[in-house]
Amino acid sequence: AIVNPAPSTWYSSRQLGGTDFGLRLSQLLGSKGLVTLQGSRHQDSNSLTAARKVRTVDLRCTGQPPGTPESPCQPPDVPGSVTGGYGVIDGPLDHNVSFRNQLRGDLTVYAGGHELKCGGNYEYGGSDATYSLTGGQEVSVRDEFGQPYYDHFFAARSLDDLTPVVGVKFRAKARSFGAYIQDSWKAAAGLTLNLGLRWDTEHLLSYQGATVLALENEWQPRLGVVWDPWHDGKTKVYAFAGRFYYALPTTGTGAAFHNFTVVHTY
């Protein structure tokens, strides 16, 4: 049951969106090759703004014995009542900003039955996710052997300074490099072999900008075969095998390598 059903308690607004832009240059090298250079940027934000009301949750064991040392009171799964605002504003889901900058270049060379291609890329991105509590804290009402008490939960400046703060940030960045070389070789009539090798490295940076996880030497071979059995372009039999690495999301890095203080006062 919501004790205070006033709409102003739950008023909120969300702003969601992003911007992308890029610039690409392609240059033909006669009939023998092609050079492509590209730079791009992505940025987005997701912001939930809620009424600044303190959320209070009643977890007292109503309808039960107040509890004894042998049989303590068990808080109910569903609160007896809730009043105030939203409580926790989840950073990764409801209050975050991210960006990603990328530079890349590719060179394609045509030589006989070979289409050789090589290139590289650099990427730098980051995310800030801000956790906050409406009203600056969340209050739980509980009881211990029949004695009601209050649990005030809030974020503080540090372990040495328990002054409340409005929100805490998960902040992280990632820097990655990659390079590849590949060849599409028409080995015979109706038979094409695609061979490739890619290398990547990724450095995950903490909220202090220090590398906390370096993922090096991510070698990724690729092999593909395409066969046209009747050499008429109507039928294709193909197979492919390769190894791929997944770039870790920056939000996960922020959650794993953060530094903030939360306090319970009873």
C-alpha atoms as a PDB file:
ATOM      1  CA  ALA A   1       0.000   0.000   0.000  1.00  0.00           C
ATOM      2  CA  ILE A   2       1.265   3.480  -0.877  1.00  0.00           C
ATOM      3  CA  VAL A   3       0.459   5.584   2.169  1.00  0.00           C
ATOM      4  CA  ASN A   4       0.929   8.864   0.308  1.00  0.00           C
ATOM      5  CA  PRO A   5      -0.786   8.559  -3.102  1.00  0.00           C
ATOM      6  CA  ALA A   6      -0.195  12.229  -3.990  1.00  0.00           C
ATOM      7  CA  PRO A   7       1.009  12.353  -7.624  1.00  0.00           C
ATOM      8  CA  SER A   8       3.679  14.923  -6.718  1.00  0.00           C
ATOM      9  CA  THR A   9       5.449  12.210  -4.713  1.00  0.00           C
ATOM     10  CA  TRP A  10       6.117  10.204  -7.869  1.00  0.00           C
ATOM     11  CA  TYR A  11       6.516  12.932 -10.513  1.00  0.00           C
ATOM     12  CA  SER A  12       9.476  12.231 -12.776  1.00  0.00           C
ATOM     13  CA  SER A  13      10.840  12.956 -16.231  1.00  0.00           C
ATOM     14  CA  ARG A  14      13.250  11.135 -18.500  1.00  0.00           C
ATOM     15  CA  GLN A  15      15.546  12.549 -21.155  1.00  0.00           C
ATOM     16  CA  LEU A  16      16.997   9.977 -23.518  1.00  0.00           C
ATOM     17  CA  GLY A  17      18.993  10.326 -26.705  1.00  0.00           C
ATOM     18  CA  GLY A  18      22.322  10.495 -28.453  1.00  0.00           C
ATOM     19  CA  THR A  19      24.377  11.997 -31.232  1.00  0.00           C
ATOM     20  CA  ASP A  20      26.520  10.266 -33.833  1.00  0.00           C
ATOM     21  CA  PHE A  21      28.707  11.775 -36.505  1.00  0.00           C
ATOM     22  CA  GLY A  22      31.585  10.641 -38.670  1.00  0.00           C
ATOM     23  CA  LEU A  23      33.855  11.622 -41.531  1.00  0.00           C
ATOM     24  CA  ARG A  24      35.163   9.231 -44.190  1.00  0.00           C
ATOM     25  CA  LEU A  25      37.718   9.690 -46.966  1.00  0.00           C
ATOM     26  CA  SER A  26      38.099   7.139 -49.771  1.00  0.00           C
ATOM     27  CA  GLN A  27      40.890   7.402 -52.338  1.00  0.00           C
ATOM     28  CA  LEU A  28      41.320   5.171 -55.380  1.00  0.00           C
ATOM     29  CA  LEU A  29      44.895   4.172 -56.265  1.00  0.00           C
ATOM     30  CA  GLY A  30      44.251   3.718 -59.949  1.00  0.00           C
ATOM     31  CA  SER A  31      42.944   0.237 -60.657  1.00  0.00           C
ATOM     32  CA  LYS A  32      45.240  -1.390 -58.117  1.00  0.00           C
ATOM     33  CA  GLY A  33      43.954  -0.267 -54.764  1.00  0.00           C
ATOM     34  CA  LEU A  34      41.743   1.728 -52.428  1.00  0.00           C
ATOM     35  CA  VAL A  35      42.526   3.659 -49.235  1.00  0.00           C
ATOM     36  CA  THR A  36      39.823   4.500 -46.683  1.00  0.00           C
ATOM     37  CA  LEU A  37      40.235   6.701 -43.604  1.00  0.00           C
ATOM     38  CA  GLN A  38      37.471   7.296 -41.083  1.00  0.00           C
ATOM     39  CA  GLY A  39      36.868   9.141 -37.829  1.00  0.00           C
ATOM     40  CA  SER A  40      33.655   8.938 -35.811  1.00  0.00           C
ATOM     41  CA  ARG A  41      32.112   9.829 -32.460  1.00  0.00           C
ATOM     42  CA  HIS A  42      29.126   8.439 -30.586  1.00  0.00           C
ATOM     43  CA  GLN A  43      27.629   9.927 -27.427  1.00  0.00           C
ATOM     44  CA  ASP A  44      24.428   9.235 -25.539  1.00  0.00           C
ATOM     45  CA  SER A  45      22.705   9.995 -22.256  1.00  0.00           C
ATOM     46  CA  ASN A  46      19.815   8.626 -20.228  1.00  0.00           C
ATOM     47  CA  SER A  47      18.588  10.767 -17.348  1.00  0.00           C
ATOM     48  CA  LEU A  48      15.728  10.071 -14.956  1.00  0.00           C
ATOM     49  CA  THR A  49      14.836  13.030 -12.746  1.00  0.00           C
ATOM     50  CA  ALA A  50      12.446  12.222  -9.915  1.00  0.00           C
ATOM     51  CA  ALA A  51      10.735  14.151  -7.134  1.00  0.00           C
ATOM     52  CA  ARG A  52      13.164  14.751  -4.261  1.00  0.00           C
ATOM     53  CA  LYS A  53      11.170  12.890  -1.616  1.00  0.00           C
ATOM     54  CA  VAL A  54      12.667  10.549   0.975  1.00  0.00           C
ATOM     55  CA  ARG A  55      11.417   7.003   0.471  1.00  0.00           C
ATOM     56  CA  THR A  56      10.297   5.277   3.684  1.00  0.00           C
ATOM     57  CA  VAL A  57       9.580   1.543   3.711  1.00  0.00           C
ATOM     58  CA  ASP A  58       7.797  -0.089   6.655  1.00  0.00           C
ATOM     59  CA  LEU A  59       9.236  -3.575   7.260  1.00  0.00           C
ATOM     60  CA  ARG A  60       7.849  -4.150  10.752  1.00  0.00           C
ATOM     61  CA  CYS A  61       6.386  -7.569  11.439  1.00  0.00           C
ATOM     62  CA  THR A  62       2.762  -6.573  11.708  1.00  0.00           C
ATOM     63  CA  GLY A  63       0.420  -9.383  12.667  1.00  0.00           C
ATOM     64  CA  GLN A  64       3.300 -11.487  14.026  1.00  0.00           C
ATOM     65  CA  PRO A  65       4.768 -11.881  17.495  1.00  0.00           C
ATOM     66  CA  PRO A  66       7.431  -9.238  18.027  1.00  0.00           C
ATOM     67  CA  GLY A  67      10.058 -11.967  18.187  1.00  0.00           C
ATOM     68  CA  THR A  68      12.178 -13.659  20.817  1.00  0.00           C
ATOM     69  CA  PRO A  69      15.839 -14.737  20.810  1.00  0.00           C
ATOM     70  CA  GLU A  70      14.678 -18.260  19.882  1.00  0.00           C
ATOM     71  CA  SER A  71      12.209 -17.108  17.231  1.00  0.00           C
ATOM     72  CA  PRO A  72      13.184 -13.703  15.823  1.00  0.00           C
ATOM     73  CA  CYS A  73      10.807 -11.584  13.818  1.00  0.00           C
ATOM     74  CA  GLN A  74      11.085 -12.214  10.058  1.00  0.00           C
ATOM     75  CA  PRO A  75      10.665  -9.079   7.919  1.00  0.00           C
ATOM     76  CA  PRO A  76       7.883  -9.481   5.360  1.00  0.00           C
ATOM     77  CA  ASP A  77       8.715  -9.909   1.673  1.00  0.00           C
ATOM     78  CA  VAL A  78       6.213  -7.177   0.839  1.00  0.00           C
ATOM     79  CA  PRO A  79       6.464  -3.939   2.853  1.00  0.00           C
ATOM     80  CA  GLY A  80       3.498  -3.006   4.988  1.00  0.00           C
ATOM     81  CA  SER A  81       3.573   0.452   3.425  1.00  0.00           C
ATOM     82  CA  VAL A  82       5.741   2.739   1.305  1.00  0.00           C
ATOM     83  CA  THR A  83       5.732   6.511   1.322  1.00  0.00           C
ATOM     84  CA  GLY A  84       7.905   9.154  -0.288  1.00  0.00           C
ATOM     85  CA  GLY A  85       9.707   9.036  -3.599  1.00  0.00           C
ATOM     86  CA  TYR A  86      11.428   6.539  -5.842  1.00  0.00           C
ATOM     87  CA  GLY A  87      14.319   5.728  -3.545  1.00  0.00           C
ATOM     88  CA  VAL A  88      17.274   4.429  -5.549  1.00  0.00           C
ATOM     89  CA  ILE A  89      17.865   5.915  -9.000  1.00  0.00           C
ATOM     90  CA  ASP A  90      19.860   3.159 -10.694  1.00  0.00           C
ATOM     91  CA  GLY A  91      22.875   4.624 -12.496  1.00  0.00           C
ATOM     92  CA  PRO A  92      23.443   2.163 -15.381  1.00  0.00           C
ATOM     93  CA  LEU A  93      19.711   1.967 -16.088  1.00  0.00           C
ATOM     94  CA  ASP A  94      18.446   5.444 -15.275  1.00  0.00           C
ATOM     95  CA  HIS A  95      21.205   8.063 -15.064  1.00  0.00           C
ATOM     96  CA  ASN A  96      24.228   7.690 -17.312  1.00  0.00           C
ATOM     97  CA  VAL A  97      26.278   9.254 -20.085  1.00  0.00           C
ATOM     98  CA  SER A  98      28.621   7.486 -22.514  1.00  0.00           C
ATOM     99  CA  PHE A  99      30.879   8.356 -25.415  1.00  0.00           C
ATOM    100  CA  ARG A 100      33.046   6.533 -27.967  1.00  0.00           C
ATOM    101  CA  ASN A 101      35.644   7.996 -30.341  1.00  0.00           C
ATOM    102  CA  GLN A 102      37.073   5.881 -33.159  1.00  0.00           C
ATOM    103  CA  LEU A 103      39.758   6.260 -35.822  1.00  0.00           C
ATOM    104  CA  ARG A 104      40.423   3.646 -38.482  1.00  0.00           C
ATOM    105  CA  GLY A 105      42.215   3.159 -41.764  1.00  0.00           C
ATOM    106  CA  ASP A 106      42.069   0.422 -44.432  1.00  0.00           C
ATOM    107  CA  LEU A 107      44.118  -0.368 -47.526  1.00  0.00           C
ATOM    108  CA  THR A 108      42.893  -2.718 -50.275  1.00  0.00           C
ATOM    109  CA  VAL A 109      45.239  -3.944 -53.027  1.00  0.00           C
ATOM    110  CA  TYR A 110      44.184  -5.949 -56.100  1.00  0.00           C
ATOM    111  CA  ALA A 111      46.902  -8.198 -57.500  1.00  0.00           C
ATOM    112  CA  GLY A 112      46.048 -10.994 -59.919  1.00  0.00           C
ATOM    113  CA  GLY A 113      43.721 -13.415 -58.175  1.00  0.00           C
ATOM    114  CA  HIS A 114      44.306 -11.786 -54.785  1.00  0.00           C
ATOM    115  CA  GLU A 115      42.354  -9.095 -53.003  1.00  0.00           C
ATOM    116  CA  LEU A 116      44.644  -8.114 -50.132  1.00  0.00           C
ATOM    117  CA  LYS A 117      43.378  -5.928 -47.344  1.00  0.00           C
ATOM    118  CA  CYS A 118      44.945  -4.598 -44.166  1.00  0.00           C
ATOM    119  CA  GLY A 119      44.092  -1.939 -41.649  1.00  0.00           C
ATOM    120  CA  GLY A 120      43.912  -0.826 -38.073  1.00  0.00           C
ATOM    121  CA  ASN A 121      41.710   1.019 -35.622  1.00  0.00           C
ATOM    122  CA  TYR A 122      41.918   2.954 -32.370  1.00  0.00           C
ATOM    123  CA  GLU A 123      38.959   3.391 -30.023  1.00  0.00           C
ATOM    124  CA  TYR A 124      38.547   5.369 -26.807  1.00  0.00           C
ATOM    125  CA  GLY A 125      35.303   5.420 -24.853  1.00  0.00           C
ATOM    126  CA  GLY A 126      33.848   5.821 -21.411  1.00  0.00           C
ATOM    127  CA  SER A 127      30.732   5.799 -19.262  1.00  0.00           C
ATOM    128  CA  ASP A 128      29.568   7.637 -16.158  1.00  0.00           C
ATOM    129  CA  ALA A 129      26.696   6.083 -14.226  1.00  0.00           C
ATOM    130  CA  THR A 130      25.384   8.036 -11.228  1.00  0.00           C
ATOM    131  CA  TYR A 131      23.505   6.303  -8.425  1.00  0.00           C
ATOM    132  CA  SER A 132      21.404   8.535  -6.197  1.00  0.00           C
ATOM    133  CA  LEU A 133      18.638   8.426  -3.603  1.00  0.00           C
ATOM    134  CA  THR A 134      15.621  10.699  -3.853  1.00  0.00           C
ATOM    135  CA  GLY A 135      15.748  13.046  -0.906  1.00  0.00           C
ATOM    136  CA  GLY A 136      19.347  12.013  -0.233  1.00  0.00           C
ATOM    137  CA  GLN A 137      18.537   8.893   1.773  1.00  0.00           C
ATOM    138  CA  GLU A 138      16.234   5.896   2.123  1.00  0.00           C
ATOM    139  CA  VAL A 139      14.617   4.980   5.432  1.00  0.00           C
ATOM    140  CA  SER A 140      13.473   1.539   6.565  1.00  0.00           C
ATOM    141  CA  VAL A 141      11.288   1.032   9.638  1.00  0.00           C
ATOM    142  CA  ARG A 142      11.979  -2.309  11.341  1.00  0.00           C
ATOM    143  CA  ASP A 143      11.533  -3.960  14.703  1.00  0.00           C
ATOM    144  CA  GLU A 144      13.799  -6.047  16.871  1.00  0.00           C
ATOM    145  CA  PHE A 145      12.071  -8.139  19.539  1.00  0.00           C
ATOM    146  CA  GLY A 146       9.233  -5.654  19.597  1.00  0.00           C
ATOM    147  CA  GLN A 147      11.421  -2.534  19.606  1.00  0.00           C
ATOM    148  CA  PRO A 148      10.849  -0.362  16.506  1.00  0.00           C
ATOM    149  CA  TYR A 149      13.915   1.289  14.994  1.00  0.00           C
ATOM    150  CA  TYR A 150      14.894   3.182  11.864  1.00  0.00           C
ATOM    151  CA  ASP A 151      17.613   2.367   9.337  1.00  0.00           C
ATOM    152  CA  HIS A 152      18.842   5.425   7.394  1.00  0.00           C
ATOM    153  CA  PHE A 153      20.779   4.515   4.238  1.00  0.00           C
ATOM    154  CA  PHE A 154      22.799   7.153   2.338  1.00  0.00           C
ATOM    155  CA  ALA A 155      26.018   7.822   0.436  1.00  0.00           C
ATOM    156  CA  ALA A 156      28.879   9.639   2.168  1.00  0.00           C
ATOM    157  CA  ARG A 157      31.987  11.506   1.063  1.00  0.00           C
ATOM    158  CA  SER A 158      34.432   8.892   2.388  1.00  0.00           C
ATOM    159  CA  LEU A 159      35.077   6.457   5.217  1.00  0.00           C
ATOM    160  CA  ASP A 160      36.652   9.318   7.160  1.00  0.00           C
ATOM    161  CA  ASP A 161      34.007  11.919   6.320  1.00  0.00           C
ATOM    162  CA  LEU A 162      30.420  10.670   6.646  1.00  0.00           C
ATOM    163  CA  THR A 163      28.874  13.863   5.296  1.00  0.00           C
ATOM    164  CA  PRO A 164      26.001  12.779   2.997  1.00  0.00           C
ATOM    165  CA  VAL A 165      26.381  13.369  -0.747  1.00  0.00           C
ATOM    166  CA  VAL A 166      23.681  13.466  -3.404  1.00  0.00           C
ATOM    167  CA  GLY A 167      25.011  10.666  -5.601  1.00  0.00           C
ATOM    168  CA  VAL A 168      27.937   8.398  -6.367  1.00  0.00           C
ATOM    169  CA  LYS A 169      29.422   7.683  -9.769  1.00  0.00           C
ATOM    170  CA  PHE A 170      30.591   4.541 -11.486  1.00  0.00           C
ATOM    171  CA  ARG A 171      33.143   5.987 -13.878  1.00  0.00           C
ATOM    172  CA  ALA A 172      35.311   4.000 -16.282  1.00  0.00           C
ATOM    173  CA  LYS A 173      37.000   4.259 -19.657  1.00  0.00           C
ATOM    174  CA  ALA A 174      38.434   1.850 -22.192  1.00  0.00           C
ATOM    175  CA  ARG A 175      41.179   2.233 -24.786  1.00  0.00           C
ATOM    176  CA  SER A 176      41.664  -0.344 -27.526  1.00  0.00           C
ATOM    177  CA  PHE A 177      43.852  -0.930 -30.585  1.00  0.00           C
ATOM    178  CA  GLY A 178      43.377  -3.397 -33.413  1.00  0.00           C
ATOM    179  CA  ALA A 179      45.025  -4.424 -36.664  1.00  0.00           C
ATOM    180  CA  TYR A 180      44.288  -7.022 -39.306  1.00  0.00           C
ATOM    181  CA  ILE A 181      45.416  -8.494 -42.599  1.00  0.00           C
ATOM    182  CA  GLN A 182      43.351 -10.656 -44.928  1.00  0.00           C
ATOM    183  CA  ASP A 183      43.412 -12.125 -48.404  1.00  0.00           C
ATOM    184  CA  SER A 184      40.565 -13.212 -50.656  1.00  0.00           C
ATOM    185  CA  TRP A 185      42.306 -15.559 -53.094  1.00  0.00           C
ATOM    186  CA  LYS A 186      40.671 -17.010 -56.190  1.00  0.00           C
ATOM    187  CA  ALA A 187      42.667 -20.219 -56.022  1.00  0.00           C
ATOM    188  CA  ALA A 188      40.907 -21.866 -59.005  1.00  0.00           C
ATOM    189  CA  ALA A 189      37.844 -21.516 -61.169  1.00  0.00           C
ATOM    190  CA  GLY A 190      34.860 -21.517 -58.836  1.00  0.00           C
ATOM    191  CA  LEU A 191      37.019 -21.714 -55.689  1.00  0.00           C
ATOM    192  CA  THR A 192      37.823 -18.787 -53.372  1.00  0.00           C
ATOM    193  CA  LEU A 193      39.801 -18.970 -50.127  1.00  0.00           C
ATOM    194  CA  ASN A 194      39.432 -16.218 -47.537  1.00  0.00           C
ATOM    195  CA  LEU A 195      42.315 -16.046 -45.064  1.00  0.00           C
ATOM    196  CA  GLY A 196      42.706 -13.520 -42.284  1.00  0.00           C
ATOM    197  CA  LEU A 197      44.388 -12.681 -39.001  1.00  0.00           C
ATOM    198  CA  ARG A 198      43.358  -9.983 -36.531  1.00  0.00           C
ATOM    199  CA  TRP A 199      45.028  -8.708 -33.385  1.00  0.00           C
ATOM    200  CA  ASP A 200      43.393  -6.638 -30.641  1.00  0.00           C
ATOM    201  CA  THR A 201      44.347  -5.230 -27.283  1.00  0.00           C
ATOM    202  CA  GLU A 202      42.099  -3.491 -24.761  1.00  0.00           C
ATOM    203  CA  HIS A 203      42.992  -1.510 -21.642  1.00  0.00           C
ATOM    204  CA  LEU A 204      40.262  -0.907 -19.087  1.00  0.00           C
ATOM    205  CA  LEU A 205      40.720   2.245 -16.999  1.00  0.00           C
ATOM    206  CA  SER A 206      39.369   2.863 -13.509  1.00  0.00           C
ATOM    207  CA  TYR A 207      37.724   6.044 -12.216  1.00  0.00           C
ATOM    208  CA  GLN A 208      41.263   7.340 -11.520  1.00  0.00           C
ATOM    209  CA  GLY A 209      42.334   6.814 -15.134  1.00  0.00           C
ATOM    210  CA  ALA A 210      44.706   3.969 -14.222  1.00  0.00           C
ATOM    211  CA  THR A 211      44.798   0.729 -16.210  1.00  0.00           C
ATOM    212  CA  VAL A 212      43.232  -1.958 -14.035  1.00  0.00           C
ATOM    213  CA  LEU A 213      42.871  -4.697 -16.642  1.00  0.00           C
ATOM    214  CA  ALA A 214      45.011  -5.086 -19.760  1.00  0.00           C
ATOM    215  CA  LEU A 215      43.766  -7.628 -22.294  1.00  0.00           C
ATOM    216  CA  GLU A 216      46.734  -8.260 -24.570  1.00  0.00           C
ATOM    217  CA  ASN A 217      47.543 -10.467 -27.553  1.00  0.00           C
ATOM    218  CA  GLU A 218      44.007 -11.249 -28.674  1.00  0.00           C
ATOM    219  CA  TRP A 219      44.977 -13.123 -31.844  1.00  0.00           C
ATOM    220  CA  GLN A 220      42.035 -14.061 -34.040  1.00  0.00           C
ATOM    221  CA  PRO A 221      42.593 -16.277 -37.103  1.00  0.00           C
ATOM    222  CA  ARG A 222      39.828 -16.625 -39.724  1.00  0.00           C
ATOM    223  CA  LEU A 223      39.430 -19.111 -42.578  1.00  0.00           C
ATOM    224  CA  GLY A 224      36.686 -19.280 -45.183  1.00  0.00           C
ATOM    225  CA  VAL A 225      36.077 -21.383 -48.284  1.00  0.00           C
ATOM    226  CA  VAL A 226      33.613 -20.547 -51.090  1.00  0.00           C
ATOM    227  CA  TRP A 227      32.946 -23.073 -53.870  1.00  0.00           C
ATOM    228  CA  ASP A 228      30.863 -22.653 -57.009  1.00  0.00           C
ATOM    229  CA  PRO A 229      30.635 -26.271 -58.227  1.00  0.00           C
ATOM    230  CA  TRP A 230      29.268 -25.461 -61.711  1.00  0.00           C
ATOM    231  CA  HIS A 231      31.087 -22.136 -62.231  1.00  0.00           C
ATOM    232  CA  ASP A 232      27.892 -20.343 -63.256  1.00  0.00           C
ATOM    233  CA  GLY A 233      27.285 -18.124 -60.232  1.00  0.00           C
ATOM    234  CA  LYS A 234      23.991 -19.844 -59.370  1.00  0.00           C
ATOM    235  CA  THR A 235      25.184 -22.130 -56.589  1.00  0.00           C
ATOM    236  CA  LYS A 236      27.452 -21.476 -53.627  1.00  0.00           C
ATOM    237  CA  VAL A 237      28.800 -23.862 -51.011  1.00  0.00           C
ATOM    238  CA  TYR A 238      30.751 -22.173 -48.266  1.00  0.00           C
ATOM    239  CA  ALA A 239      32.193 -22.708 -44.805  1.00  0.00           C
ATOM    240  CA  PHE A 240      33.806 -20.366 -42.305  1.00  0.00           C
ATOM    241  CA  ALA A 241      35.675 -20.690 -39.010  1.00  0.00           C
ATOM    242  CA  GLY A 242      37.193 -17.976 -36.880  1.00  0.00           C
ATOM    243  CA  ARG A 243      37.976 -16.733 -33.433  1.00  0.00           C
ATOM    244  CA  PHE A 244      36.511 -13.489 -32.054  1.00  0.00           C
ATOM    245  CA  TYR A 245      36.997 -11.475 -28.870  1.00  0.00           C
ATOM    246  CA  TYR A 246      34.277  -9.440 -27.208  1.00  0.00           C
ATOM    247  CA  ALA A 247      34.999  -5.868 -26.107  1.00  0.00           C
ATOM    248  CA  LEU A 248      34.046  -5.474 -22.453  1.00  0.00           C
ATOM    249  CA  PRO A 249      31.430  -2.778 -21.719  1.00  0.00           C
ATOM    250  CA  THR A 250      32.705   0.200 -19.743  1.00  0.00           C
ATOM    251  CA  THR A 251      29.751   0.088 -17.339  1.00  0.00           C
ATOM    252  CA  GLY A 252      30.930  -3.300 -16.108  1.00  0.00           C
ATOM    253  CA  THR A 253      34.400  -1.876 -15.521  1.00  0.00           C
ATOM    254  CA  GLY A 254      32.956   0.971 -13.483  1.00  0.00           C
ATOM    255  CA  ALA A 255      30.979  -1.447 -11.325  1.00  0.00           C
ATOM    256  CA  ALA A 256      34.031  -3.643 -10.686  1.00  0.00           C
ATOM    257  CA  PHE A 257      36.636  -0.921 -10.066  1.00  0.00           C
ATOM    258  CA  HIS A 258      34.835   1.832  -8.212  1.00  0.00           C
ATOM    259  CA  ASN A 259      35.366   3.667  -4.948  1.00  0.00           C
ATOM    260  CA  PHE A 260      32.512   5.091  -2.915  1.00  0.00           C
ATOM    261  CA  THR A 261      31.107   4.905   0.600  1.00  0.00           C
ATOM    262  CA  VAL A 262      27.567   4.034   1.699  1.00  0.00           C
ATOM    263  CA  VAL A 263      26.380   4.232   5.284  1.00  0.00           C
ATOM    264  CA  HIS A 264      23.663   2.675   7.411  1.00  0.00           C
ATOM    265  CA  THR A 265      22.720   4.646  10.536  1.00  0.00           C
ATOM    266  CA  TYR A 266      20.420   2.978  13.067  1.00  0.00           C
END
